[in-house]
Amino acid sequence: MTHSALPPGIRELPVPDRVALVEQIWESIVEDEASFDLTVAQKRELDRRLAERPLSSARGFEWAEAKRRIFGKP
């Protein structure tokens, strides 16, 4: 496995610190999400997928319910 190019010093951080850094980066992306524009091709693909999805009144579950179902926890 090859090491991907990372800014200096990141590879030397302990894994938990790198995970925390990734979380911080992701949170910054989420905060800036409103300024993120999809390309025309991405919008078309999303529209295509929405049109193809089955029409159903079934809804998903809240994370707590899904987790309970997956892991069998109350």
PDB file of N, CA and C in Angstrom:
ATOM      1  N   MET A   1       0.842  -1.179   0.000  1.00  0.00           N
ATOM      2  CA  MET A   1       0.000   0.000   0.000  1.00  0.00           C
ATOM      3  C   MET A   1       0.889   1.245   0.000  1.00  0.00           C
ATOM      4  N   THR A   2       0.575   2.174  -0.848  1.00  0.00           N
ATOM      5  CA  THR A   2       1.370   3.393  -0.920  1.00  0.00           C
ATOM      6  C   THR A   2       0.753   4.468  -0.037  1.00  0.00           C
ATOM      7  N   HIS A   3       1.594   5.343   0.442  1.00  0.00           N
ATOM      8  CA  HIS A   3       1.116   6.456   1.250  1.00  0.00           C
ATOM      9  C   HIS A   3       0.660   7.575   0.326  1.00  0.00           C
ATOM     10  N   SER A   4      -0.543   8.039   0.554  1.00  0.00           N
ATOM     11  CA  SER A   4      -1.019   9.162  -0.249  1.00  0.00           C
ATOM     12  C   SER A   4      -0.323  10.440   0.225  1.00  0.00           C
ATOM     13  N   ALA A   5      -0.278  11.411  -0.655  1.00  0.00           N
ATOM     14  CA  ALA A   5       0.366  12.678  -0.323  1.00  0.00           C
ATOM     15  C   ALA A   5      -0.504  13.447   0.659  1.00  0.00           C
ATOM     16  N   LEU A   6       0.022  13.736   1.789  1.00  0.00           N
ATOM     17  CA  LEU A   6      -0.671  14.500   2.829  1.00  0.00           C
ATOM     18  C   LEU A   6       0.169  15.709   3.182  1.00  0.00           C
ATOM     19  N   PRO A   7      -0.473  16.750   3.678  1.00  0.00           N
ATOM     20  CA  PRO A   7       0.323  17.881   4.158  1.00  0.00           C
ATOM     21  C   PRO A   7       1.326  17.414   5.215  1.00  0.00           C
ATOM     22  N   PRO A   8       2.457  18.089   5.306  1.00  0.00           N
ATOM     23  CA  PRO A   8       3.506  17.677   6.248  1.00  0.00           C
ATOM     24  C   PRO A   8       2.987  17.532   7.682  1.00  0.00           C
ATOM     25  N   GLY A   9       3.401  16.467   8.322  1.00  0.00           N
ATOM     26  CA  GLY A   9       3.091  16.261   9.736  1.00  0.00           C
ATOM     27  C   GLY A   9       1.837  15.460  10.012  1.00  0.00           C
ATOM     28  N   ILE A  10       0.942  15.360   9.071  1.00  0.00           N
ATOM     29  CA  ILE A  10      -0.316  14.659   9.349  1.00  0.00           C
ATOM     30  C   ILE A  10      -0.085  13.168   9.542  1.00  0.00           C
ATOM     31  N   ARG A  11       0.729  12.552   8.716  1.00  0.00           N
ATOM     32  CA  ARG A  11       0.984  11.117   8.824  1.00  0.00           C
ATOM     33  C   ARG A  11       1.584  10.775  10.184  1.00  0.00           C
ATOM     34  N   GLU A  12       2.301  11.701  10.789  1.00  0.00           N
ATOM     35  CA  GLU A  12       2.941  11.428  12.076  1.00  0.00           C
ATOM     36  C   GLU A  12       1.971  11.522  13.254  1.00  0.00           C
ATOM     37  N   LEU A  13       0.800  12.101  13.037  1.00  0.00           N
ATOM     38  CA  LEU A  13      -0.182  12.200  14.120  1.00  0.00           C
ATOM     39  C   LEU A  13      -0.690  10.820  14.494  1.00  0.00           C
ATOM     40  N   PRO A  14      -1.015  10.608  15.762  1.00  0.00           N
ATOM     41  CA  PRO A  14      -1.634   9.338  16.153  1.00  0.00           C
ATOM     42  C   PRO A  14      -2.984   9.186  15.439  1.00  0.00           C
ATOM     43  N   VAL A  15      -3.383   7.956  15.212  1.00  0.00           N
ATOM     44  CA  VAL A  15      -4.624   7.696  14.481  1.00  0.00           C
ATOM     45  C   VAL A  15      -5.823   8.424  15.097  1.00  0.00           C
ATOM     46  N   PRO A  16      -6.022   8.402  16.416  1.00  0.00           N
ATOM     47  CA  PRO A  16      -7.185   9.125  16.960  1.00  0.00           C
ATOM     48  C   PRO A  16      -7.172  10.623  16.630  1.00  0.00           C
ATOM     49  N   ASP A  17      -5.978  11.212  16.592  1.00  0.00           N
ATOM     50  CA  ASP A  17      -5.869  12.629  16.236  1.00  0.00           C
ATOM     51  C   ASP A  17      -6.202  12.851  14.764  1.00  0.00           C
ATOM     52  N   ARG A  18      -5.798  11.898  13.906  1.00  0.00           N
ATOM     53  CA  ARG A  18      -6.137  12.018  12.482  1.00  0.00           C
ATOM     54  C   ARG A  18      -7.635  11.862  12.261  1.00  0.00           C
ATOM     55  N   VAL A  19      -8.250  10.956  13.008  1.00  0.00           N
ATOM     56  CA  VAL A  19      -9.707  10.787  12.905  1.00  0.00           C
ATOM     57  C   VAL A  19     -10.402  12.071  13.349  1.00  0.00           C
ATOM     58  N   ALA A  20      -9.950  12.660  14.440  1.00  0.00           N
ATOM     59  CA  ALA A  20     -10.535  13.920  14.915  1.00  0.00           C
ATOM     60  C   ALA A  20     -10.362  15.014  13.868  1.00  0.00           C
ATOM     61  N   LEU A  21      -9.220  15.040  13.197  1.00  0.00           N
ATOM     62  CA  LEU A  21      -8.978  16.031  12.154  1.00  0.00           C
ATOM     63  C   LEU A  21      -9.946  15.835  10.981  1.00  0.00           C
ATOM     64  N   VAL A  22     -10.153  14.588  10.587  1.00  0.00           N
ATOM     65  CA  VAL A  22     -11.097  14.300   9.511  1.00  0.00           C
ATOM     66  C   VAL A  22     -12.499  14.766   9.906  1.00  0.00           C
ATOM     67  N   GLU A  23     -12.895  14.512  11.145  1.00  0.00           N
ATOM     68  CA  GLU A  23     -14.207  14.961  11.622  1.00  0.00           C
ATOM     69  C   GLU A  23     -14.324  16.477  11.560  1.00  0.00           C
ATOM     70  N   GLN A  24     -13.276  17.176  11.956  1.00  0.00           N
ATOM     71  CA  GLN A  24     -13.288  18.640  11.901  1.00  0.00           C
ATOM     72  C   GLN A  24     -13.391  19.136  10.460  1.00  0.00           C
ATOM     73  N   ILE A  25     -12.658  18.483   9.564  1.00  0.00           N
ATOM     74  CA  ILE A  25     -12.723  18.866   8.152  1.00  0.00           C
ATOM     75  C   ILE A  25     -14.126  18.624   7.617  1.00  0.00           C
ATOM     76  N   TRP A  26     -14.703  17.453   7.934  1.00  0.00           N
ATOM     77  CA  TRP A  26     -16.058  17.143   7.462  1.00  0.00           C
ATOM     78  C   TRP A  26     -17.060  18.167   7.997  1.00  0.00           C
ATOM     79  N   GLU A  27     -16.962  18.515   9.266  1.00  0.00           N
ATOM     80  CA  GLU A  27     -17.871  19.506   9.843  1.00  0.00           C
ATOM     81  C   GLU A  27     -17.738  20.851   9.129  1.00  0.00           C
ATOM     82  N   SER A  28     -16.518  21.213   8.734  1.00  0.00           N
ATOM     83  CA  SER A  28     -16.346  22.479   8.016  1.00  0.00           C
ATOM     84  C   SER A  28     -16.994  22.413   6.633  1.00  0.00           C
ATOM     85  N   ILE A  29     -16.965  21.238   6.021  1.00  0.00           N
ATOM     86  CA  ILE A  29     -17.626  21.064   4.721  1.00  0.00           C
ATOM     87  C   ILE A  29     -19.129  21.193   4.878  1.00  0.00           C
ATOM     88  N   VAL A  30     -19.670  20.565   5.910  1.00  0.00           N
ATOM     89  CA  VAL A  30     -21.112  20.639   6.162  1.00  0.00           C
ATOM     90  C   VAL A  30     -21.539  22.086   6.409  1.00  0.00           C
ATOM     91  N   GLU A  31     -20.739  22.827   7.161  1.00  0.00           N
ATOM     92  CA  GLU A  31     -21.053  24.231   7.429  1.00  0.00           C
ATOM     93  C   GLU A  31     -21.078  25.061   6.154  1.00  0.00           C
ATOM     94  N   ASP A  32     -20.227  24.713   5.200  1.00  0.00           N
ATOM     95  CA  ASP A  32     -20.141  25.460   3.943  1.00  0.00           C
ATOM     96  C   ASP A  32     -21.002  24.861   2.838  1.00  0.00           C
ATOM     97  N   GLU A  33     -21.798  23.879   3.182  1.00  0.00           N
ATOM     98  CA  GLU A  33     -22.602  23.142   2.194  1.00  0.00           C
ATOM     99  C   GLU A  33     -23.493  24.055   1.354  1.00  0.00           C
ATOM    100  N   ALA A  34     -24.027  25.091   1.944  1.00  0.00           N
ATOM    101  CA  ALA A  34     -24.926  25.987   1.224  1.00  0.00           C
ATOM    102  C   ALA A  34     -24.240  26.640   0.039  1.00  0.00           C
ATOM    103  N   SER A  35     -22.935  26.811   0.115  1.00  0.00           N
ATOM    104  CA  SER A  35     -22.222  27.460  -0.981  1.00  0.00           C
ATOM    105  C   SER A  35     -21.724  26.461  -2.022  1.00  0.00           C
ATOM    106  N   PHE A  36     -22.070  25.182  -1.830  1.00  0.00           N
ATOM    107  CA  PHE A  36     -21.626  24.138  -2.745  1.00  0.00           C
ATOM    108  C   PHE A  36     -22.662  23.962  -3.847  1.00  0.00           C
ATOM    109  N   ASP A  37     -22.251  24.165  -5.090  1.00  0.00           N
ATOM    110  CA  ASP A  37     -23.156  24.033  -6.221  1.00  0.00           C
ATOM    111  C   ASP A  37     -22.902  22.723  -6.959  1.00  0.00           C
ATOM    112  N   LEU A  38     -23.990  22.029  -7.273  1.00  0.00           N
ATOM    113  CA  LEU A  38     -23.887  20.825  -8.072  1.00  0.00           C
ATOM    114  C   LEU A  38     -23.712  21.197  -9.535  1.00  0.00           C
ATOM    115  N   THR A  39     -23.044  20.317 -10.262  1.00  0.00           N
ATOM    116  CA  THR A  39     -22.933  20.531 -11.698  1.00  0.00           C
ATOM    117  C   THR A  39     -24.266  20.162 -12.345  1.00  0.00           C
ATOM    118  N   VAL A  40     -24.448  20.561 -13.585  1.00  0.00           N
ATOM    119  CA  VAL A  40     -25.667  20.207 -14.313  1.00  0.00           C
ATOM    120  C   VAL A  40     -25.787  18.689 -14.402  1.00  0.00           C
ATOM    121  N   ALA A  41     -24.687  18.006 -14.658  1.00  0.00           N
ATOM    122  CA  ALA A  41     -24.692  16.549 -14.752  1.00  0.00           C
ATOM    123  C   ALA A  41     -25.103  15.907 -13.423  1.00  0.00           C
ATOM    124  N   GLN A  42     -24.613  16.440 -12.302  1.00  0.00           N
ATOM    125  CA  GLN A  42     -24.985  15.906 -10.994  1.00  0.00           C
ATOM    126  C   GLN A  42     -26.473  16.123 -10.723  1.00  0.00           C
ATOM    127  N   LYS A  43     -26.989  17.287 -11.077  1.00  0.00           N
ATOM    128  CA  LYS A  43     -28.412  17.562 -10.886  1.00  0.00           C
ATOM    129  C   LYS A  43     -29.259  16.612 -11.722  1.00  0.00           C
ATOM    130  N   ARG A  44     -28.858  16.376 -12.968  1.00  0.00           N
ATOM    131  CA  ARG A  44     -29.594  15.445 -13.830  1.00  0.00           C
ATOM    132  C   ARG A  44     -29.586  14.045 -13.237  1.00  0.00           C
ATOM    133  N   GLU A  45     -28.435  13.629 -12.734  1.00  0.00           N
ATOM    134  CA  GLU A  45     -28.340  12.288 -12.146  1.00  0.00           C
ATOM    135  C   GLU A  45     -29.232  12.165 -10.918  1.00  0.00           C
ATOM    136  N   LEU A  46     -29.253  13.169 -10.077  1.00  0.00           N
ATOM    137  CA  LEU A  46     -30.138  13.139  -8.911  1.00  0.00           C
ATOM    138  C   LEU A  46     -31.605  13.092  -9.339  1.00  0.00           C
ATOM    139  N   ASP A  47     -31.964  13.881 -10.333  1.00  0.00           N
ATOM    140  CA  ASP A  47     -33.333  13.860 -10.843  1.00  0.00           C
ATOM    141  C   ASP A  47     -33.683  12.483 -11.404  1.00  0.00           C
ATOM    142  N   ARG A  48     -32.750  11.866 -12.119  1.00  0.00           N
ATOM    143  CA  ARG A  48     -32.973  10.535 -12.679  1.00  0.00           C
ATOM    144  C   ARG A  48     -33.213   9.517 -11.578  1.00  0.00           C
ATOM    145  N   ARG A  49     -32.387   9.576 -10.531  1.00  0.00           N
ATOM    146  CA  ARG A  49     -32.532   8.629  -9.421  1.00  0.00           C
ATOM    147  C   ARG A  49     -33.850   8.838  -8.683  1.00  0.00           C
ATOM    148  N   LEU A  50     -34.233  10.097  -8.492  1.00  0.00           N
ATOM    149  CA  LEU A  50     -35.514  10.364  -7.836  1.00  0.00           C
ATOM    150  C   LEU A  50     -36.672   9.821  -8.661  1.00  0.00           C
ATOM    151  N   ALA A  51     -36.606   9.969  -9.972  1.00  0.00           N
ATOM    152  CA  ALA A  51     -37.674   9.490 -10.848  1.00  0.00           C
ATOM    153  C   ALA A  51     -37.756   7.967 -10.851  1.00  0.00           C
ATOM    154  N   GLU A  52     -36.635   7.287 -10.650  1.00  0.00           N
ATOM    155  CA  GLU A  52     -36.603   5.833 -10.686  1.00  0.00           C
ATOM    156  C   GLU A  52     -36.956   5.169  -9.361  1.00  0.00           C
ATOM    157  N   ARG A  53     -36.897   5.900  -8.299  1.00  0.00           N
ATOM    158  CA  ARG A  53     -37.154   5.264  -7.004  1.00  0.00           C
ATOM    159  C   ARG A  53     -38.606   4.831  -6.939  1.00  0.00           C
ATOM    160  N   PRO A  54     -38.851   3.751  -6.251  1.00  0.00           N
ATOM    161  CA  PRO A  54     -40.224   3.259  -6.148  1.00  0.00           C
ATOM    162  C   PRO A  54     -41.098   4.260  -5.392  1.00  0.00           C
ATOM    163  N   LEU A  55     -42.270   4.435  -5.889  1.00  0.00           N
ATOM    164  CA  LEU A  55     -43.199   5.308  -5.188  1.00  0.00           C
ATOM    165  C   LEU A  55     -43.789   4.511  -4.040  1.00  0.00           C
ATOM    166  N   SER A  56     -43.488   4.917  -2.862  1.00  0.00           N
ATOM    167  CA  SER A  56     -43.914   4.179  -1.688  1.00  0.00           C
ATOM    168  C   SER A  56     -44.172   5.145  -0.553  1.00  0.00           C
ATOM    169  N   SER A  57     -45.116   4.782   0.263  1.00  0.00           N
ATOM    170  CA  SER A  57     -45.368   5.608   1.439  1.00  0.00           C
ATOM    171  C   SER A  57     -44.458   5.189   2.591  1.00  0.00           C
ATOM    172  N   ALA A  58     -43.718   4.096   2.385  1.00  0.00           N
ATOM    173  CA  ALA A  58     -42.818   3.625   3.437  1.00  0.00           C
ATOM    174  C   ALA A  58     -41.726   4.655   3.681  1.00  0.00           C
ATOM    175  N   ARG A  59     -41.435   4.879   4.927  1.00  0.00           N
ATOM    176  CA  ARG A  59     -40.404   5.839   5.291  1.00  0.00           C
ATOM    177  C   ARG A  59     -39.294   5.097   6.013  1.00  0.00           C
ATOM    178  N   GLY A  60     -38.186   5.751   6.106  1.00  0.00           N
ATOM    179  CA  GLY A  60     -37.056   5.183   6.837  1.00  0.00           C
ATOM    180  C   GLY A  60     -37.284   5.271   8.331  1.00  0.00           C
ATOM    181  N   PHE A  61     -36.240   4.991   9.067  1.00  0.00           N
ATOM    182  CA  PHE A  61     -36.304   5.020  10.519  1.00  0.00           C
ATOM    183  C   PHE A  61     -35.341   6.069  11.046  1.00  0.00           C
ATOM    184  N   GLU A  62     -35.652   6.591  12.202  1.00  0.00           N
ATOM    185  CA  GLU A  62     -34.706   7.447  12.906  1.00  0.00           C
ATOM    186  C   GLU A  62     -33.498   6.588  13.268  1.00  0.00           C
ATOM    187  N   TRP A  63     -32.335   7.217  13.418  1.00  0.00           N
ATOM    188  CA  TRP A  63     -31.111   6.475  13.698  1.00  0.00           C
ATOM    189  C   TRP A  63     -31.250   5.606  14.941  1.00  0.00           C
ATOM    190  N   ALA A  64     -31.862   6.098  15.995  1.00  0.00           N
ATOM    191  CA  ALA A  64     -31.995   5.308  17.225  1.00  0.00           C
ATOM    192  C   ALA A  64     -32.772   4.023  16.954  1.00  0.00           C
ATOM    193  N   GLU A  65     -33.835   4.107  16.165  1.00  0.00           N
ATOM    194  CA  GLU A  65     -34.636   2.926  15.833  1.00  0.00           C
ATOM    195  C   GLU A  65     -33.856   1.974  14.930  1.00  0.00           C
ATOM    196  N   ALA A  66     -33.177   2.517  13.927  1.00  0.00           N
ATOM    197  CA  ALA A  66     -32.384   1.673  13.024  1.00  0.00           C
ATOM    198  C   ALA A  66     -31.282   0.954  13.807  1.00  0.00           C
ATOM    199  N   LYS A  67     -30.626   1.673  14.698  1.00  0.00           N
ATOM    200  CA  LYS A  67     -29.558   1.087  15.514  1.00  0.00           C
ATOM    201  C   LYS A  67     -30.106  -0.032  16.392  1.00  0.00           C
ATOM    202  N   ARG A  68     -31.278   0.202  16.977  1.00  0.00           N
ATOM    203  CA  ARG A  68     -31.904  -0.817  17.814  1.00  0.00           C
ATOM    204  C   ARG A  68     -32.202  -2.062  16.987  1.00  0.00           C
ATOM    205  N   ARG A  69     -32.714  -1.871  15.772  1.00  0.00           N
ATOM    206  CA  ARG A  69     -33.036  -3.003  14.916  1.00  0.00           C
ATOM    207  C   ARG A  69     -31.779  -3.752  14.485  1.00  0.00           C
ATOM    208  N   ILE A  70     -30.718  -3.016  14.191  1.00  0.00           N
ATOM    209  CA  ILE A  70     -29.483  -3.641  13.731  1.00  0.00           C
ATOM    210  C   ILE A  70     -28.777  -4.374  14.857  1.00  0.00           C
ATOM    211  N   PHE A  71     -28.629  -3.693  15.979  1.00  0.00           N
ATOM    212  CA  PHE A  71     -27.834  -4.233  17.071  1.00  0.00           C
ATOM    213  C   PHE A  71     -28.659  -4.899  18.164  1.00  0.00           C
ATOM    214  N   GLY A  72     -29.980  -4.809  18.056  1.00  0.00           N
ATOM    215  CA  GLY A  72     -30.846  -5.451  19.045  1.00  0.00           C
ATOM    216  C   GLY A  72     -30.793  -4.806  20.413  1.00  0.00           C
ATOM    217  N   LYS A  73     -30.436  -3.530  20.444  1.00  0.00           N
ATOM    218  CA  LYS A  73     -30.366  -2.842  21.737  1.00  0.00           C
ATOM    219  C   LYS A  73     -31.683  -2.116  21.977  1.00  0.00           C
ATOM    220  N   PRO A  74     -32.103  -2.069  23.232  1.00  0.00           N
ATOM    221  CA  PRO A  74     -33.356  -1.358  23.553  1.00  0.00           C
ATOM    222  C   PRO A  74     -33.241   0.139  23.395  1.00  0.00           C
TER     223      PRO A  74
END
